[in-house]
Every structure is written in structure tokens, then in C-alpha cells.
């Protein structure tokens, strides 16, 4: 293998990984029992009950309730985090069905976010259990710029950013509560998102279906978001590709 071939091998390896990573986020899927005390709570058609969340993520990476939410909701741990996305909650279990993949491509939209579908996006129902899901990704801003996220959901959809001024997690989009499908590009930290500094950031999205009428989730962003779990970091990939190239070079010298 010549130096040119070696460099090409490294480039090809990196390019292949880049293609595999682009436009996807990690996904974790859960089933919440239909008799969970926080489902269908204080709901009547035409009204919304907000989740009463706080502004950040707790030590387990889950949304933190504010005082009102902690007094109202049952599903929270000692740190005040909502446990609709954790087996800390006795009514929540992990969905291992292959229907629910470990990553989803962006933009993503599904008007049938149910636990009993045979194909993600196919029709189903939530008579036996409600689907909840959390998503995680990372993105880089090469220069300061505005950041926006467009979301639609029935019911809760919450978006948090971490890194830089966002610290360990700051809520930037709140479409929480039990409600019919509604969309928003608004956020609770407009000033923070209008001129985000260059750097690396992570995004955490939480979805929960909590009422037996509709189950919709969508997420759109112009950002190049990639998964943050189960995928080697670029530095690791570069070392691997360089090492592979070096092995080929040494093998060539032997012969």
C-alpha cells in the first residue's frame, strides 16, 4: 500500500463513518403501564395540563420537576426527576422489540407512537400501555449562530441542551402536558438560543404519550445531529483508521 493509498484508506474510513452518523440520534424506548398514576391525570378534552417541569436535567439525566410538579406528579425520584423514561419507575419497562430502533433519522415524524405496532409508524393503540421515549444527540457549531428546533407532539415533548452556557442541561423547548397534537418552534430560553457560541453541544429530547387519544412525535432541526451513545467518537475513529493504515503499510514492507 502506497502512502497515497494509505491516506485514501483513512479518508474512506472517516467518510464512511461520517455518512453512517449524519442525521441520526440515539433512541431509548419504554413502555409505561396504562394505570400509571401520572397518565390521563386531570385531563378533559380541550384542556392542557402542563408537566410543571423545572429548567434543567438532574443527576440521572432526567427532567427535573419544579415545586408544583413535584407536589402533583407521583413518578419522580429523590432528586425530583421525572421517571417516565427510567426503570426506576415500577410502571416503566424497556421496549426491546426490534420495531423500535436504537437510532432514528432526522427529520423524524410519527403519528402512531404506540407500544403495540409491528412497524414503527404503523397504526396501533395505547389500550395496554403508553409509549415513552428519550433521544440523545451531539452537534458542533463551527461559529456562533442561532439554534432552533421544531417539534410536534401528543402529548409531552421536551428538549434540553447541554454544554457551554447550557451547563449540564437547560430546557430550550417546552411542548409538555396532556394535549392534542400541537407544534412549536418556541422555547423558554430565546435569548440563549439566538447567538449560541461555537463549540460542542448535546441535545436530549423526551417524549411521553399519557392519554388514550392520539400519539404523535416529530422533531426537525437544521443542525447536523449525530448519536452520542454506542458510536465511536471521531478521535477514536481516526486512531483506528490510522492504525489500520499503518498495519497495511507494515504488511506491504514485509513482502
C-alpha atoms as a PDB file:
ATOM      1  CA  UNK A   1       0.000   0.000   0.000  1.00  0.00           C
ATOM      2  CA  UNK A   2       1.456   3.358  -1.040  1.00  0.00           C
ATOM      3  CA  UNK A   3       1.226   6.489   1.105  1.00  0.00           C
ATOM      4  CA  UNK A   4      -1.467   7.761  -1.233  1.00  0.00           C
ATOM      5  CA  UNK A   5      -3.403   4.512  -0.848  1.00  0.00           C
ATOM      6  CA  UNK A   6      -2.884   4.663   2.904  1.00  0.00           C
ATOM      7  CA  UNK A   7      -4.229   8.202   3.158  1.00  0.00           C
ATOM      8  CA  UNK A   8      -7.120   7.264   0.901  1.00  0.00           C
ATOM      9  CA  UNK A   9      -7.949   4.352   3.195  1.00  0.00           C
ATOM     10  CA  UNK A  10      -8.068   6.692   6.188  1.00  0.00           C
ATOM     11  CA  UNK A  11     -10.228   9.181   4.298  1.00  0.00           C
ATOM     12  CA  UNK A  12     -12.565   6.422   3.096  1.00  0.00           C
ATOM     13  CA  UNK A  13     -12.930   5.083   6.624  1.00  0.00           C
ATOM     14  CA  UNK A  14     -13.741   8.513   8.018  1.00  0.00           C
ATOM     15  CA  UNK A  15     -16.133   9.293   5.182  1.00  0.00           C
ATOM     16  CA  UNK A  16     -17.967   6.028   5.675  1.00  0.00           C
ATOM     17  CA  UNK A  17     -18.379   6.684   9.395  1.00  0.00           C
ATOM     18  CA  UNK A  18     -19.496  10.250   8.732  1.00  0.00           C
ATOM     19  CA  UNK A  19     -22.225   9.030   6.390  1.00  0.00           C
ATOM     20  CA  UNK A  20     -23.347   6.469   8.943  1.00  0.00           C
ATOM     21  CA  UNK A  21     -23.543   9.062  11.694  1.00  0.00           C
ATOM     22  CA  UNK A  22     -25.079  12.016   9.881  1.00  0.00           C
ATOM     23  CA  UNK A  23     -28.660  12.972  10.624  1.00  0.00           C
ATOM     24  CA  UNK A  24     -29.418  10.426  13.322  1.00  0.00           C
ATOM     25  CA  UNK A  25     -29.943  10.452  17.078  1.00  0.00           C
ATOM     26  CA  UNK A  26     -29.855   7.700  19.668  1.00  0.00           C
ATOM     27  CA  UNK A  27     -33.232   6.383  20.818  1.00  0.00           C
ATOM     28  CA  UNK A  28     -34.337   4.636  24.003  1.00  0.00           C
ATOM     29  CA  UNK A  29     -37.884   3.260  24.099  1.00  0.00           C
ATOM     30  CA  UNK A  30     -40.066   2.496  27.113  1.00  0.00           C
ATOM     31  CA  UNK A  31     -43.499   1.152  27.954  1.00  0.00           C
ATOM     32  CA  UNK A  32     -45.410   2.885  30.748  1.00  0.00           C
ATOM     33  CA  UNK A  33     -48.327   0.958  32.251  1.00  0.00           C
ATOM     34  CA  UNK A  34     -51.777   2.270  31.360  1.00  0.00           C
ATOM     35  CA  UNK A  35     -52.622   2.539  35.061  1.00  0.00           C
ATOM     36  CA  UNK A  36     -49.596   4.695  35.841  1.00  0.00           C
ATOM     37  CA  UNK A  37     -50.848   7.430  38.208  1.00  0.00           C
ATOM     38  CA  UNK A  38     -49.446  10.213  36.005  1.00  0.00           C
ATOM     39  CA  UNK A  39     -51.367   9.155  32.889  1.00  0.00           C
ATOM     40  CA  UNK A  40     -54.696  10.763  31.981  1.00  0.00           C
ATOM     41  CA  UNK A  41     -54.403  12.827  35.151  1.00  0.00           C
ATOM     42  CA  UNK A  42     -56.722  15.842  35.475  1.00  0.00           C
ATOM     43  CA  UNK A  43     -57.377  15.673  31.773  1.00  0.00           C
ATOM     44  CA  UNK A  44     -60.534  16.734  29.997  1.00  0.00           C
ATOM     45  CA  UNK A  45     -60.971  17.305  26.250  1.00  0.00           C
ATOM     46  CA  UNK A  46     -59.867  20.718  25.089  1.00  0.00           C
ATOM     47  CA  UNK A  47     -57.619  21.426  28.082  1.00  0.00           C
ATOM     48  CA  UNK A  48     -53.911  21.018  28.695  1.00  0.00           C
ATOM     49  CA  UNK A  49     -52.158  20.128  31.892  1.00  0.00           C
ATOM     50  CA  UNK A  50     -48.510  21.156  31.822  1.00  0.00           C
ATOM     51  CA  UNK A  51     -45.852  18.859  33.207  1.00  0.00           C
ATOM     52  CA  UNK A  52     -44.672  21.530  35.667  1.00  0.00           C
ATOM     53  CA  UNK A  53     -41.053  20.792  34.856  1.00  0.00           C
ATOM     54  CA  UNK A  54     -38.131  22.835  36.013  1.00  0.00           C
ATOM     55  CA  UNK A  55     -35.454  24.244  33.766  1.00  0.00           C
ATOM     56  CA  UNK A  56     -32.806  21.537  33.875  1.00  0.00           C
ATOM     57  CA  UNK A  57     -31.749  17.910  33.967  1.00  0.00           C
ATOM     58  CA  UNK A  58     -30.988  16.047  37.184  1.00  0.00           C
ATOM     59  CA  UNK A  59     -28.098  13.743  38.137  1.00  0.00           C
ATOM     60  CA  UNK A  60     -29.631  10.845  36.186  1.00  0.00           C
ATOM     61  CA  UNK A  61     -30.090  12.984  33.079  1.00  0.00           C
ATOM     62  CA  UNK A  62     -33.876  13.198  33.505  1.00  0.00           C
ATOM     63  CA  UNK A  63     -36.088  16.326  33.550  1.00  0.00           C
ATOM     64  CA  UNK A  64     -36.389  17.929  36.974  1.00  0.00           C
ATOM     65  CA  UNK A  65     -39.830  18.944  38.245  1.00  0.00           C
ATOM     66  CA  UNK A  66     -40.467  22.307  39.806  1.00  0.00           C
ATOM     67  CA  UNK A  67     -42.155  22.535  43.226  1.00  0.00           C
ATOM     68  CA  UNK A  68     -45.668  22.436  41.779  1.00  0.00           C
ATOM     69  CA  UNK A  69     -44.856  19.419  39.629  1.00  0.00           C
ATOM     70  CA  UNK A  70     -43.213  17.541  42.493  1.00  0.00           C
ATOM     71  CA  UNK A  71     -46.366  18.046  44.563  1.00  0.00           C
ATOM     72  CA  UNK A  72     -48.658  16.902  41.738  1.00  0.00           C
ATOM     73  CA  UNK A  73     -46.878  14.027  39.984  1.00  0.00           C
ATOM     74  CA  UNK A  74     -46.195  10.632  41.519  1.00  0.00           C
ATOM     75  CA  UNK A  75     -43.422   9.437  39.201  1.00  0.00           C
ATOM     76  CA  UNK A  76     -40.304  11.175  40.447  1.00  0.00           C
ATOM     77  CA  UNK A  77     -37.206  10.130  42.358  1.00  0.00           C
ATOM     78  CA  UNK A  78     -35.459  11.615  45.376  1.00  0.00           C
ATOM     79  CA  UNK A  79     -33.713  14.136  43.104  1.00  0.00           C
ATOM     80  CA  UNK A  80     -37.056  15.429  41.821  1.00  0.00           C
ATOM     81  CA  UNK A  81     -36.564  13.926  38.347  1.00  0.00           C
ATOM     82  CA  UNK A  82     -39.481  12.615  36.301  1.00  0.00           C
ATOM     83  CA  UNK A  83     -39.072   8.857  35.868  1.00  0.00           C
ATOM     84  CA  UNK A  84     -41.308   8.230  32.859  1.00  0.00           C
ATOM     85  CA  UNK A  85     -38.108   7.298  30.960  1.00  0.00           C
ATOM     86  CA  UNK A  86     -36.453   5.103  33.571  1.00  0.00           C
ATOM     87  CA  UNK A  87     -36.957   1.672  35.106  1.00  0.00           C
ATOM     88  CA  UNK A  88     -36.568   3.436  38.450  1.00  0.00           C
ATOM     89  CA  UNK A  89     -40.309   3.789  37.924  1.00  0.00           C
ATOM     90  CA  UNK A  90     -42.051   0.471  38.740  1.00  0.00           C
ATOM     91  CA  UNK A  91     -44.603   1.040  35.963  1.00  0.00           C
ATOM     92  CA  UNK A  92     -41.924   1.564  33.272  1.00  0.00           C
ATOM     93  CA  UNK A  93     -40.152  -1.172  31.316  1.00  0.00           C
ATOM     94  CA  UNK A  94     -37.701  -1.094  28.402  1.00  0.00           C
ATOM     95  CA  UNK A  95     -39.063  -1.865  24.933  1.00  0.00           C
ATOM     96  CA  UNK A  96     -36.633  -4.301  23.302  1.00  0.00           C
ATOM     97  CA  UNK A  97     -38.853  -5.007  20.300  1.00  0.00           C
ATOM     98  CA  UNK A  98     -36.830  -4.551  17.049  1.00  0.00           C
ATOM     99  CA  UNK A  99     -39.680  -2.319  15.851  1.00  0.00           C
ATOM    100  CA  UNK A 100     -38.128   0.396  17.993  1.00  0.00           C
ATOM    101  CA  UNK A 101     -34.605   1.002  16.606  1.00  0.00           C
ATOM    102  CA  UNK A 102     -31.592   2.266  18.609  1.00  0.00           C
ATOM    103  CA  UNK A 103     -31.376   5.328  16.340  1.00  0.00           C
ATOM    104  CA  UNK A 104     -33.813   7.373  14.275  1.00  0.00           C
ATOM    105  CA  UNK A 105     -33.118   9.530  11.234  1.00  0.00           C
ATOM    106  CA  UNK A 106     -33.877  13.241  11.194  1.00  0.00           C
ATOM    107  CA  UNK A 107     -36.190  14.843  10.353  1.00  0.00           C
ATOM    108  CA  UNK A 108     -38.459  12.351  12.121  1.00  0.00           C
ATOM    109  CA  UNK A 109     -42.233  12.264  12.299  1.00  0.00           C
ATOM    110  CA  UNK A 110     -44.567   9.528  13.550  1.00  0.00           C
ATOM    111  CA  UNK A 111     -48.279   9.957  14.192  1.00  0.00           C
ATOM    112  CA  UNK A 112     -48.558   6.447  15.669  1.00  0.00           C
ATOM    113  CA  UNK A 113     -46.199   6.353  18.651  1.00  0.00           C
ATOM    114  CA  UNK A 114     -47.744   3.272  20.236  1.00  0.00           C
ATOM    115  CA  UNK A 115     -46.240   0.305  22.084  1.00  0.00           C
ATOM    116  CA  UNK A 116     -48.011  -2.397  20.093  1.00  0.00           C
ATOM    117  CA  UNK A 117     -47.149  -1.543  16.482  1.00  0.00           C
ATOM    118  CA  UNK A 118     -45.481  -4.133  14.252  1.00  0.00           C
ATOM    119  CA  UNK A 119     -43.720  -1.458  12.206  1.00  0.00           C
ATOM    120  CA  UNK A 120     -42.623   1.886  13.620  1.00  0.00           C
ATOM    121  CA  UNK A 121     -45.109   4.364  12.208  1.00  0.00           C
ATOM    122  CA  UNK A 122     -47.864   1.799  11.705  1.00  0.00           C
ATOM    123  CA  UNK A 123     -51.218   2.224  13.379  1.00  0.00           C
ATOM    124  CA  UNK A 124     -51.693   0.843  16.877  1.00  0.00           C
ATOM    125  CA  UNK A 125     -53.270   1.798  20.166  1.00  0.00           C
ATOM    126  CA  UNK A 126     -52.335   2.513  23.769  1.00  0.00           C
ATOM    127  CA  UNK A 127     -55.050   0.499  25.491  1.00  0.00           C
ATOM    128  CA  UNK A 128     -52.490  -1.720  27.232  1.00  0.00           C
ATOM    129  CA  UNK A 129     -49.592   0.686  27.783  1.00  0.00           C
ATOM    130  CA  UNK A 130     -48.266   4.122  26.856  1.00  0.00           C
ATOM    131  CA  UNK A 131     -45.060   4.653  24.895  1.00  0.00           C
ATOM    132  CA  UNK A 132     -42.371   6.972  26.211  1.00  0.00           C
ATOM    133  CA  UNK A 133     -39.016   7.617  24.567  1.00  0.00           C
ATOM    134  CA  UNK A 134     -35.841   9.589  25.102  1.00  0.00           C
ATOM    135  CA  UNK A 135     -33.417  10.662  22.396  1.00  0.00           C
ATOM    136  CA  UNK A 136     -29.838  11.929  22.571  1.00  0.00           C
ATOM    137  CA  UNK A 137     -27.507  13.514  20.055  1.00  0.00           C
ATOM    138  CA  UNK A 138     -24.500  15.759  19.661  1.00  0.00           C
ATOM    139  CA  UNK A 139     -23.676  18.604  17.319  1.00  0.00           C
ATOM    140  CA  UNK A 140     -20.904  21.089  16.693  1.00  0.00           C
ATOM    141  CA  UNK A 141     -21.261  24.781  15.908  1.00  0.00           C
ATOM    142  CA  UNK A 142     -18.173  25.948  13.980  1.00  0.00           C
ATOM    143  CA  UNK A 143     -19.156  29.553  14.633  1.00  0.00           C
ATOM    144  CA  UNK A 144     -21.670  31.465  16.750  1.00  0.00           C
ATOM    145  CA  UNK A 145     -25.172  31.076  15.354  1.00  0.00           C
ATOM    146  CA  UNK A 146     -28.857  30.848  16.226  1.00  0.00           C
ATOM    147  CA  UNK A 147     -30.272  27.433  17.089  1.00  0.00           C
ATOM    148  CA  UNK A 148     -33.896  26.365  16.562  1.00  0.00           C
ATOM    149  CA  UNK A 149     -35.867  23.158  16.939  1.00  0.00           C
ATOM    150  CA  UNK A 150     -39.320  22.469  15.525  1.00  0.00           C
ATOM    151  CA  UNK A 151     -41.363  19.930  17.472  1.00  0.00           C
ATOM    152  CA  UNK A 152     -44.856  18.450  17.327  1.00  0.00           C
ATOM    153  CA  UNK A 153     -46.294  16.097  19.892  1.00  0.00           C
ATOM    154  CA  UNK A 154     -49.263  14.446  21.534  1.00  0.00           C
ATOM    155  CA  UNK A 155     -48.505  14.532  24.440  1.00  0.00           C
ATOM    156  CA  UNK A 156     -45.263  15.681  26.116  1.00  0.00           C
ATOM    157  CA  UNK A 157     -42.141  16.667  24.181  1.00  0.00           C
ATOM    158  CA  UNK A 158     -39.291  18.396  25.995  1.00  0.00           C
ATOM    159  CA  UNK A 159     -35.942  19.479  24.543  1.00  0.00           C
ATOM    160  CA  UNK A 160     -32.766  20.232  26.511  1.00  0.00           C
ATOM    161  CA  UNK A 161     -29.296  21.389  25.511  1.00  0.00           C
ATOM    162  CA  UNK A 162     -26.076  20.706  27.404  1.00  0.00           C
ATOM    163  CA  UNK A 163     -22.632  22.262  27.035  1.00  0.00           C
ATOM    164  CA  UNK A 164     -21.357  25.830  27.103  1.00  0.00           C
ATOM    165  CA  UNK A 165     -23.815  28.235  28.720  1.00  0.00           C
ATOM    166  CA  UNK A 166     -26.381  25.424  28.939  1.00  0.00           C
ATOM    167  CA  UNK A 167     -24.320  23.616  31.550  1.00  0.00           C
ATOM    168  CA  UNK A 168     -25.399  20.072  32.395  1.00  0.00           C
ATOM    169  CA  UNK A 169     -28.800  20.626  30.776  1.00  0.00           C
ATOM    170  CA  UNK A 170     -31.140  23.559  30.138  1.00  0.00           C
ATOM    171  CA  UNK A 171     -34.655  23.275  28.731  1.00  0.00           C
ATOM    172  CA  UNK A 172     -34.957  25.069  25.399  1.00  0.00           C
ATOM    173  CA  UNK A 173     -38.306  23.803  24.049  1.00  0.00           C
ATOM    174  CA  UNK A 174     -41.352  23.016  26.180  1.00  0.00           C
ATOM    175  CA  UNK A 175     -44.264  21.261  24.497  1.00  0.00           C
ATOM    176  CA  UNK A 176     -45.239  19.444  27.666  1.00  0.00           C
ATOM    177  CA  UNK A 177     -48.587  18.418  29.046  1.00  0.00           C
ATOM    178  CA  UNK A 178     -51.500  16.217  28.024  1.00  0.00           C
ATOM    179  CA  UNK A 179     -52.859  17.785  24.847  1.00  0.00           C
ATOM    180  CA  UNK A 180     -53.878  17.157  21.268  1.00  0.00           C
ATOM    181  CA  UNK A 181     -51.158  17.308  18.639  1.00  0.00           C
ATOM    182  CA  UNK A 182     -49.573  20.739  18.757  1.00  0.00           C
ATOM    183  CA  UNK A 183     -46.400  22.129  17.249  1.00  0.00           C
ATOM    184  CA  UNK A 184     -43.968  24.750  18.400  1.00  0.00           C
ATOM    185  CA  UNK A 185     -40.687  26.293  17.382  1.00  0.00           C
ATOM    186  CA  UNK A 186     -40.792  28.383  20.531  1.00  0.00           C
ATOM    187  CA  UNK A 187     -38.621  27.853  23.546  1.00  0.00           C
ATOM    188  CA  UNK A 188     -38.148  29.022  27.104  1.00  0.00           C
ATOM    189  CA  UNK A 189     -34.675  30.472  26.532  1.00  0.00           C
ATOM    190  CA  UNK A 190     -34.935  32.573  23.394  1.00  0.00           C
ATOM    191  CA  UNK A 191     -32.066  34.851  24.388  1.00  0.00           C
ATOM    192  CA  UNK A 192     -29.756  31.875  24.957  1.00  0.00           C
ATOM    193  CA  UNK A 193     -30.551  30.333  21.556  1.00  0.00           C
ATOM    194  CA  UNK A 194     -30.294  33.493  19.468  1.00  0.00           C
ATOM    195  CA  UNK A 195     -26.488  33.581  19.445  1.00  0.00           C
ATOM    196  CA  UNK A 196     -25.019  30.290  20.661  1.00  0.00           C
ATOM    197  CA  UNK A 197     -21.239  30.281  20.877  1.00  0.00           C
ATOM    198  CA  UNK A 198     -19.132  27.972  18.732  1.00  0.00           C
ATOM    199  CA  UNK A 199     -18.478  24.610  20.360  1.00  0.00           C
ATOM    200  CA  UNK A 200     -19.754  21.108  21.015  1.00  0.00           C
ATOM    201  CA  UNK A 201     -23.215  20.507  22.450  1.00  0.00           C
ATOM    202  CA  UNK A 202     -25.552  17.643  23.258  1.00  0.00           C
ATOM    203  CA  UNK A 203     -29.311  17.529  22.874  1.00  0.00           C
ATOM    204  CA  UNK A 204     -31.744  15.476  24.960  1.00  0.00           C
ATOM    205  CA  UNK A 205     -35.362  15.003  23.905  1.00  0.00           C
ATOM    206  CA  UNK A 206     -38.092  13.374  25.990  1.00  0.00           C
ATOM    207  CA  UNK A 207     -41.447  12.171  24.668  1.00  0.00           C
ATOM    208  CA  UNK A 208     -44.401  10.718  26.576  1.00  0.00           C
ATOM    209  CA  UNK A 209     -47.821   9.567  25.435  1.00  0.00           C
ATOM    210  CA  UNK A 210     -50.085   9.807  28.510  1.00  0.00           C
ATOM    211  CA  UNK A 211     -53.670   9.845  27.243  1.00  0.00           C
ATOM    212  CA  UNK A 212     -55.616   7.452  25.002  1.00  0.00           C
ATOM    213  CA  UNK A 213     -56.355   9.867  22.190  1.00  0.00           C
ATOM    214  CA  UNK A 214     -53.546  10.183  19.642  1.00  0.00           C
ATOM    215  CA  UNK A 215     -49.812   9.659  19.929  1.00  0.00           C
ATOM    216  CA  UNK A 216     -47.621  11.912  17.791  1.00  0.00           C
ATOM    217  CA  UNK A 217     -43.954  12.868  17.877  1.00  0.00           C
ATOM    218  CA  UNK A 218     -41.823  14.827  15.430  1.00  0.00           C
ATOM    219  CA  UNK A 219     -38.514  16.653  15.518  1.00  0.00           C
ATOM    220  CA  UNK A 220     -36.932  18.848  12.864  1.00  0.00           C
ATOM    221  CA  UNK A 221     -33.696  20.819  13.039  1.00  0.00           C
ATOM    222  CA  UNK A 222     -31.238  22.226  10.530  1.00  0.00           C
ATOM    223  CA  UNK A 223     -28.395  21.079  12.772  1.00  0.00           C
ATOM    224  CA  UNK A 224     -26.247  18.084  11.841  1.00  0.00           C
ATOM    225  CA  UNK A 225     -27.096  15.997  14.899  1.00  0.00           C
ATOM    226  CA  UNK A 226     -25.347  12.643  15.448  1.00  0.00           C
ATOM    227  CA  UNK A 227     -25.812   9.911  18.077  1.00  0.00           C
ATOM    228  CA  UNK A 228     -23.949  10.191  21.376  1.00  0.00           C
ATOM    229  CA  UNK A 229     -24.131   6.561  22.541  1.00  0.00           C
ATOM    230  CA  UNK A 230     -22.925   3.337  21.007  1.00  0.00           C
ATOM    231  CA  UNK A 231     -20.883   5.143  18.320  1.00  0.00           C
ATOM    232  CA  UNK A 232     -17.086   5.714  18.483  1.00  0.00           C
ATOM    233  CA  UNK A 233     -16.017   9.324  18.819  1.00  0.00           C
ATOM    234  CA  UNK A 234     -14.226  10.908  15.821  1.00  0.00           C
ATOM    235  CA  UNK A 235     -10.859  10.826  17.623  1.00  0.00           C
ATOM    236  CA  UNK A 236     -11.228   7.108  18.270  1.00  0.00           C
ATOM    237  CA  UNK A 237     -12.233   6.524  14.669  1.00  0.00           C
ATOM    238  CA  UNK A 238      -9.209   8.468  13.421  1.00  0.00           C
ATOM    239  CA  UNK A 239      -6.865   6.400  15.585  1.00  0.00           C
ATOM    240  CA  UNK A 240      -8.482   3.202  14.368  1.00  0.00           C
ATOM    241  CA  UNK A 241      -8.226   4.199  10.711  1.00  0.00           C
ATOM    242  CA  UNK A 242      -4.638   5.413  11.119  1.00  0.00           C
ATOM    243  CA  UNK A 243      -3.732   2.170  12.850  1.00  0.00           C
ATOM    244  CA  UNK A 244      -5.349   0.173  10.082  1.00  0.00           C
ATOM    245  CA  UNK A 245      -3.405   2.145   7.512  1.00  0.00           C
ATOM    246  CA  UNK A 246      -0.156   1.566   9.442  1.00  0.00           C
ATOM    247  CA  UNK A 247      -0.798  -2.171   9.581  1.00  0.00           C
ATOM    248  CA  UNK A 248      -1.271  -2.269   5.829  1.00  0.00           C
ATOM    249  CA  UNK A 249       1.960  -0.299   5.338  1.00  0.00           C
ATOM    250  CA  UNK A 250       3.958  -2.689   7.558  1.00  0.00           C
ATOM    251  CA  UNK A 251       2.395  -5.686   5.830  1.00  0.00           C
ATOM    252  CA  UNK A 252       3.483  -4.274   2.479  1.00  0.00           C
ATOM    253  CA  UNK A 253       7.072  -3.823   3.705  1.00  0.00           C
ATOM    254  CA  UNK A 254       7.207  -7.469   4.809  1.00  0.00           C
ATOM    255  CA  UNK A 255       6.517  -8.634   1.300  1.00  0.00           C
END
